Protein backbone atom coordinates (compact mmCIF):
# COMPACT_ATOMS: atom_id res chain seq x y z
CA LEU A 1 12.26 -6.62 40.68
CA LYS A 2 13.76 -5.21 37.50
CA ILE A 3 11.13 -6.13 34.50
CA ALA A 4 12.50 -3.88 32.11
CA ASP A 5 15.67 -1.67 30.65
CA PHE A 6 14.25 1.80 29.37
CA GLY A 7 17.38 2.34 27.40
CA PHE A 8 15.20 2.11 24.43
CA ALA A 9 12.29 4.04 26.05
CA ARG A 10 10.96 7.53 24.66
CA SER A 11 7.76 9.47 24.64
CA LEU A 12 5.65 10.06 21.65
CA PRO A 13 3.31 12.72 21.21
CA ASN A 14 -0.46 11.16 20.88
CA ALA A 15 -0.62 10.95 17.29
CA MET A 16 2.84 9.71 16.40
CA MET A 17 3.28 5.92 15.81
CA ALA A 18 6.89 4.18 17.08
CA GLU A 19 8.56 2.09 14.32
CA THR A 20 11.42 0.90 16.32
CA LEU A 21 11.82 -2.52 16.56
CA CYS A 22 13.48 -3.75 19.85
CA GLY A 23 13.19 -6.29 22.62
CA SER A 24 12.50 -10.23 23.11
CA PRO A 25 10.10 -11.78 20.35
CA LEU A 26 8.71 -13.18 23.46
CA TYR A 27 6.87 -10.32 24.31
CA MET A 28 6.00 -8.48 21.39
CA ALA A 29 2.88 -7.36 20.23
CA PRO A 30 1.80 -8.73 16.89
CA GLU A 31 2.10 -5.58 14.80
CA ILE A 32 5.70 -4.88 16.03
CA LEU A 33 6.70 -8.65 14.49
CA ARG A 34 5.23 -7.70 11.25
CA TYR A 35 7.10 -4.30 11.20
CA GLU A 36 4.40 -2.26 11.33
CA LYS A 37 3.99 1.03 13.25
CA TYR A 38 2.48 0.75 16.66
CA ASP A 39 1.49 2.66 19.56
CA ALA A 40 0.99 2.10 23.36
CA LYS A 41 -1.49 -1.21 22.67
CA ALA A 42 1.32 -2.71 22.05
CA ASP A 43 3.20 -1.94 25.33
CA LEU A 44 -0.21 -3.53 26.82
CA TRP A 45 0.91 -6.14 24.97
CA SER A 46 4.05 -6.87 26.36
CA VAL A 47 2.80 -6.00 30.09
CA GLY A 48 0.35 -8.67 29.59
CA ALA A 49 2.91 -11.43 28.20
CA VAL A 50 4.87 -10.13 31.32
CA LEU A 51 2.33 -10.87 33.73
CA TYR A 52 1.06 -14.02 32.71
CA GLU A 53 4.49 -15.26 32.80
CA MET A 54 4.68 -13.87 36.37
CA ALA A 55 1.44 -15.62 36.72
CA VAL A 56 1.93 -19.38 35.06
CA GLY A 57 5.69 -19.46 35.43
CA LYS A 58 6.03 -19.54 31.38
CA PRO A 59 5.72 -17.42 28.65
CA PRO A 60 2.23 -17.25 26.61
CA TYR A 61 3.87 -18.56 23.70
CA ARG A 62 6.57 -21.36 23.31
CA ALA A 63 8.22 -22.58 20.18
CA MET A 64 11.53 -24.50 19.05
CA ASN A 65 12.62 -21.74 17.14
CA HIS A 66 11.79 -18.05 16.29
CA VAL A 67 9.61 -18.47 12.98
CA GLU A 68 7.67 -21.09 14.90
CA LEU A 69 7.17 -18.57 17.60
CA LEU A 70 6.13 -15.52 15.28
CA LYS A 71 3.61 -17.66 13.66
CA LYS A 72 1.77 -18.63 17.10
CA ILE A 73 1.64 -15.08 18.13
CA GLU A 74 0.39 -13.71 15.00
CA HIS A 75 -2.48 -16.69 14.98
CA SER A 76 -3.46 -16.18 18.12
CA LYS A 77 -6.20 -13.22 17.39
């Protein structure tokens, strides 16, 4: 079972924030989708989204297009 491609992975010092936008919007944390800096909490969001899909059989947020998907994720707080 392969759930990720770590080609973009890198280690950051504890106080440093990432800024890279990469991955699938279905599994991205809201702060990444807002083009904000992010830390390991965004990774936990993505893991939760993957685990949700594994348990339920569908992604936690679905939409007809990317704009609608981003709105659903942003307003889910």
